[in-house]
Amino acid sequence: MRSTMRSMRAPDPVEVVIAVVRDLASAGALPAELTAVPLEAATTLDSLGLDSMARLELLAELEDRADVHLAEATVSGIRTISDLARAIFQARRAA
């Protein structure tokens, strides 16, 4: 029973963000090299090499998947994958 409960846990928000980055890179919306480079919670968005349009694409996809909207004030403070995951998680909890 315990192993069943473990498998029912919500996915790690950081892993969800990383999966979306990789999905968008595979689809050609983000740089293709992002499908293979190591990504972790502390990875900065600047280090991903995203231009402003790619950043908007990433944010829009995450907002769509999580069914939330991130305020501009929140977005401006996002520096890392962990920051982004936290912002999405908090917006979902507030909805």
N, C-alpha and C. Protein backbone atom coordinates (compact mmCIF):
# COMPACT_ATOMS: atom_id res chain seq x y z
N MET A 1 0.82 -1.19 0.00
CA MET A 1 0.00 0.00 0.00
C MET A 1 0.86 1.25 0.00
N ARG A 2 1.95 1.22 0.75
CA ARG A 2 2.82 2.38 0.85
C ARG A 2 3.43 2.74 -0.51
N SER A 3 3.85 1.75 -1.29
CA SER A 3 4.43 2.03 -2.60
C SER A 3 3.38 2.63 -3.53
N THR A 4 2.12 2.23 -3.40
CA THR A 4 1.05 2.81 -4.20
C THR A 4 0.87 4.28 -3.84
N MET A 5 0.91 4.60 -2.58
CA MET A 5 0.76 5.98 -2.14
C MET A 5 1.92 6.83 -2.65
N ARG A 6 3.11 6.29 -2.65
CA ARG A 6 4.26 7.02 -3.14
C ARG A 6 4.09 7.37 -4.62
N SER A 7 3.58 6.43 -5.38
CA SER A 7 3.42 6.65 -6.82
C SER A 7 2.30 7.65 -7.12
N MET A 8 1.45 7.93 -6.16
CA MET A 8 0.35 8.86 -6.35
C MET A 8 0.73 10.30 -6.02
N ARG A 9 1.93 10.53 -5.53
CA ARG A 9 2.36 11.87 -5.19
C ARG A 9 2.37 12.76 -6.42
N ALA A 10 2.13 14.03 -6.18
CA ALA A 10 2.20 15.01 -7.27
C ALA A 10 3.63 15.07 -7.78
N PRO A 11 3.80 15.34 -9.07
CA PRO A 11 5.14 15.42 -9.62
C PRO A 11 5.91 16.60 -9.03
N ASP A 12 7.20 16.46 -8.96
CA ASP A 12 8.06 17.53 -8.48
C ASP A 12 7.96 18.70 -9.45
N PRO A 13 7.62 19.91 -8.97
CA PRO A 13 7.47 21.06 -9.86
C PRO A 13 8.72 21.36 -10.68
N VAL A 14 9.90 21.16 -10.11
CA VAL A 14 11.14 21.40 -10.85
C VAL A 14 11.24 20.42 -12.01
N GLU A 15 10.90 19.16 -11.78
CA GLU A 15 10.95 18.16 -12.84
C GLU A 15 9.94 18.47 -13.93
N VAL A 16 8.80 19.03 -13.55
CA VAL A 16 7.80 19.42 -14.54
C VAL A 16 8.34 20.53 -15.43
N VAL A 17 8.97 21.54 -14.84
CA VAL A 17 9.55 22.64 -15.63
C VAL A 17 10.63 22.10 -16.56
N ILE A 18 11.48 21.23 -16.05
CA ILE A 18 12.54 20.65 -16.88
C ILE A 18 11.93 19.85 -18.03
N ALA A 19 10.89 19.11 -17.76
CA ALA A 19 10.22 18.33 -18.82
C ALA A 19 9.64 19.25 -19.89
N VAL A 20 9.07 20.37 -19.49
CA VAL A 20 8.51 21.32 -20.45
C VAL A 20 9.63 21.94 -21.29
N VAL A 21 10.74 22.30 -20.66
CA VAL A 21 11.89 22.82 -21.41
C VAL A 21 12.31 21.81 -22.46
N ARG A 22 12.44 20.55 -22.07
CA ARG A 22 12.87 19.52 -23.01
C ARG A 22 11.82 19.28 -24.11
N ASP A 23 10.55 19.30 -23.74
CA ASP A 23 9.48 19.14 -24.74
C ASP A 23 9.53 20.25 -25.78
N LEU A 24 9.66 21.49 -25.31
CA LEU A 24 9.70 22.62 -26.24
C LEU A 24 10.96 22.60 -27.09
N ALA A 25 12.06 22.16 -26.52
CA ALA A 25 13.30 22.04 -27.31
C ALA A 25 13.14 20.97 -28.38
N SER A 26 12.52 19.86 -28.03
CA SER A 26 12.29 18.78 -29.00
C SER A 26 11.37 19.24 -30.13
N ALA A 27 10.43 20.12 -29.80
CA ALA A 27 9.48 20.62 -30.79
C ALA A 27 10.04 21.77 -31.62
N GLY A 28 11.23 22.24 -31.26
CA GLY A 28 11.85 23.32 -32.02
C GLY A 28 11.51 24.72 -31.53
N ALA A 29 10.74 24.83 -30.45
CA ALA A 29 10.37 26.14 -29.92
C ALA A 29 11.48 26.74 -29.05
N LEU A 30 12.35 25.90 -28.53
CA LEU A 30 13.52 26.33 -27.75
C LEU A 30 14.75 25.72 -28.41
N PRO A 31 15.94 26.22 -28.07
CA PRO A 31 17.16 25.67 -28.67
C PRO A 31 17.24 24.14 -28.50
N ALA A 32 17.56 23.45 -29.59
CA ALA A 32 17.59 21.99 -29.60
C ALA A 32 18.54 21.40 -28.58
N GLU A 33 19.65 22.08 -28.28
CA GLU A 33 20.62 21.53 -27.33
C GLU A 33 20.05 21.37 -25.92
N LEU A 34 18.92 22.02 -25.64
CA LEU A 34 18.31 21.89 -24.32
C LEU A 34 17.71 20.51 -24.09
N THR A 35 17.61 19.70 -25.13
CA THR A 35 17.12 18.33 -24.94
C THR A 35 18.15 17.46 -24.26
N ALA A 36 19.44 17.86 -24.31
CA ALA A 36 20.51 16.99 -23.81
C ALA A 36 21.37 17.59 -22.69
N VAL A 37 21.32 18.90 -22.49
CA VAL A 37 22.19 19.49 -21.46
C VAL A 37 21.63 19.21 -20.07
N PRO A 38 22.51 19.10 -19.08
CA PRO A 38 22.02 18.89 -17.71
C PRO A 38 21.23 20.11 -17.23
N LEU A 39 20.05 19.86 -16.70
CA LEU A 39 19.21 20.92 -16.13
C LEU A 39 18.87 20.52 -14.71
N GLU A 40 18.90 21.48 -13.82
CA GLU A 40 18.57 21.22 -12.42
C GLU A 40 17.90 22.45 -11.83
N ALA A 41 17.48 22.37 -10.60
CA ALA A 41 16.76 23.46 -9.95
C ALA A 41 17.53 24.78 -9.99
N ALA A 42 18.83 24.73 -9.82
CA ALA A 42 19.64 25.95 -9.76
C ALA A 42 20.02 26.50 -11.13
N THR A 43 19.67 25.80 -12.21
CA THR A 43 19.98 26.30 -13.55
C THR A 43 19.28 27.62 -13.76
N THR A 44 20.04 28.63 -14.18
CA THR A 44 19.43 29.94 -14.42
C THR A 44 18.78 29.96 -15.80
N LEU A 45 17.74 30.75 -15.92
CA LEU A 45 17.09 30.89 -17.21
C LEU A 45 18.03 31.56 -18.20
N ASP A 46 18.87 32.47 -17.71
CA ASP A 46 19.85 33.11 -18.59
C ASP A 46 20.79 32.08 -19.21
N SER A 47 21.17 31.07 -18.44
CA SER A 47 22.10 30.06 -18.95
C SER A 47 21.48 29.17 -20.02
N LEU A 48 20.15 29.20 -20.15
CA LEU A 48 19.48 28.40 -21.16
C LEU A 48 19.62 29.02 -22.55
N GLY A 49 20.08 30.26 -22.59
CA GLY A 49 20.28 30.93 -23.88
C GLY A 49 18.98 31.29 -24.58
N LEU A 50 17.96 31.59 -23.81
CA LEU A 50 16.66 31.92 -24.39
C LEU A 50 16.56 33.40 -24.71
N ASP A 51 16.10 33.71 -25.90
CA ASP A 51 15.81 35.11 -26.19
C ASP A 51 14.45 35.44 -25.57
N SER A 52 14.01 36.68 -25.71
CA SER A 52 12.77 37.09 -25.05
C SER A 52 11.56 36.31 -25.58
N MET A 53 11.55 36.01 -26.87
CA MET A 53 10.43 35.24 -27.43
C MET A 53 10.41 33.80 -26.91
N ALA A 54 11.56 33.19 -26.80
CA ALA A 54 11.63 31.82 -26.28
C ALA A 54 11.22 31.79 -24.81
N ARG A 55 11.61 32.81 -24.05
CA ARG A 55 11.20 32.89 -22.65
C ARG A 55 9.69 32.99 -22.54
N LEU A 56 9.10 33.82 -23.39
CA LEU A 56 7.64 33.96 -23.39
C LEU A 56 6.97 32.64 -23.77
N GLU A 57 7.54 31.94 -24.73
CA GLU A 57 7.01 30.63 -25.14
C GLU A 57 7.03 29.65 -23.96
N LEU A 58 8.13 29.62 -23.24
CA LEU A 58 8.26 28.74 -22.07
C LEU A 58 7.23 29.11 -21.01
N LEU A 59 7.12 30.38 -20.70
CA LEU A 59 6.15 30.82 -19.68
C LEU A 59 4.72 30.50 -20.11
N ALA A 60 4.40 30.77 -21.37
CA ALA A 60 3.05 30.51 -21.86
C ALA A 60 2.71 29.03 -21.78
N GLU A 61 3.66 28.18 -22.15
CA GLU A 61 3.42 26.73 -22.10
C GLU A 61 3.20 26.27 -20.66
N LEU A 62 4.02 26.77 -19.75
CA LEU A 62 3.86 26.39 -18.34
C LEU A 62 2.54 26.89 -17.78
N GLU A 63 2.18 28.13 -18.13
CA GLU A 63 0.90 28.67 -17.66
C GLU A 63 -0.26 27.84 -18.21
N ASP A 64 -0.18 27.45 -19.49
CA ASP A 64 -1.24 26.62 -20.09
C ASP A 64 -1.34 25.27 -19.39
N ARG A 65 -0.22 24.62 -19.20
CA ARG A 65 -0.24 23.29 -18.59
C ARG A 65 -0.72 23.32 -17.15
N ALA A 66 -0.36 24.39 -16.44
CA ALA A 66 -0.77 24.49 -15.03
C ALA A 66 -2.10 25.21 -14.85
N ASP A 67 -2.63 25.77 -15.95
CA ASP A 67 -3.88 26.53 -15.92
C ASP A 67 -3.80 27.67 -14.91
N VAL A 68 -2.73 28.45 -15.01
CA VAL A 68 -2.52 29.62 -14.14
C VAL A 68 -2.02 30.78 -15.00
N HIS A 69 -2.02 31.96 -14.41
CA HIS A 69 -1.41 33.13 -15.03
C HIS A 69 -0.43 33.72 -14.02
N LEU A 70 0.78 33.98 -14.47
CA LEU A 70 1.79 34.59 -13.60
C LEU A 70 1.80 36.10 -13.83
N ALA A 71 1.70 36.84 -12.75
CA ALA A 71 1.74 38.30 -12.84
C ALA A 71 3.12 38.76 -13.29
N GLU A 72 3.16 39.89 -13.97
CA GLU A 72 4.43 40.45 -14.46
C GLU A 72 5.43 40.64 -13.32
N ALA A 73 4.95 41.07 -12.16
CA ALA A 73 5.83 41.27 -11.01
C ALA A 73 6.47 39.96 -10.58
N THR A 74 5.73 38.88 -10.69
CA THR A 74 6.27 37.56 -10.35
C THR A 74 7.29 37.13 -11.39
N VAL A 75 6.96 37.29 -12.65
CA VAL A 75 7.84 36.87 -13.74
C VAL A 75 9.17 37.60 -13.69
N SER A 76 9.14 38.87 -13.36
CA SER A 76 10.38 39.66 -13.36
C SER A 76 11.37 39.18 -12.30
N GLY A 77 10.90 38.49 -11.27
CA GLY A 77 11.78 38.00 -10.22
C GLY A 77 12.29 36.59 -10.43
N ILE A 78 11.88 35.95 -11.51
CA ILE A 78 12.27 34.56 -11.76
C ILE A 78 13.66 34.52 -12.38
N ARG A 79 14.56 33.82 -11.72
CA ARG A 79 15.95 33.71 -12.20
C ARG A 79 16.36 32.28 -12.53
N THR A 80 15.80 31.31 -11.82
CA THR A 80 16.22 29.92 -11.97
C THR A 80 15.02 29.03 -12.28
N ILE A 81 15.32 27.79 -12.66
CA ILE A 81 14.26 26.81 -12.87
C ILE A 81 13.47 26.61 -11.58
N SER A 82 14.15 26.62 -10.45
CA SER A 82 13.48 26.48 -9.16
C SER A 82 12.53 27.65 -8.91
N ASP A 83 12.97 28.87 -9.22
CA ASP A 83 12.10 30.05 -9.06
C ASP A 83 10.84 29.90 -9.91
N LEU A 84 11.03 29.43 -11.13
CA LEU A 84 9.90 29.27 -12.05
C LEU A 84 8.94 28.20 -11.53
N ALA A 85 9.48 27.08 -11.09
CA ALA A 85 8.65 26.01 -10.54
C ALA A 85 7.88 26.49 -9.31
N ARG A 86 8.56 27.23 -8.44
CA ARG A 86 7.92 27.75 -7.23
C ARG A 86 6.79 28.71 -7.59
N ALA A 87 7.01 29.59 -8.57
CA ALA A 87 5.99 30.55 -8.98
C ALA A 87 4.76 29.84 -9.53
N ILE A 88 4.98 28.83 -10.36
CA ILE A 88 3.86 28.06 -10.92
C ILE A 88 3.11 27.34 -9.80
N PHE A 89 3.84 26.70 -8.89
CA PHE A 89 3.24 25.97 -7.78
C PHE A 89 2.40 26.90 -6.90
N GLN A 90 2.96 28.07 -6.58
CA GLN A 90 2.25 29.02 -5.73
C GLN A 90 1.00 29.57 -6.44
N ALA A 91 1.10 29.81 -7.74
CA ALA A 91 -0.07 30.30 -8.49
C ALA A 91 -1.17 29.25 -8.52
N ARG A 92 -0.78 27.99 -8.64
CA ARG A 92 -1.79 26.91 -8.63
C ARG A 92 -2.46 26.80 -7.28
N ARG A 93 -1.69 26.96 -6.21
CA ARG A 93 -2.27 26.87 -4.86
C ARG A 93 -3.22 28.03 -4.61
N ALA A 94 -2.92 29.20 -5.18
CA ALA A 94 -3.73 30.38 -4.96
C ALA A 94 -5.01 30.37 -5.81
N ALA A 95 -5.00 29.56 -6.85
CA ALA A 95 -6.17 29.54 -7.78
C ALA A 95 -7.35 28.82 -7.19
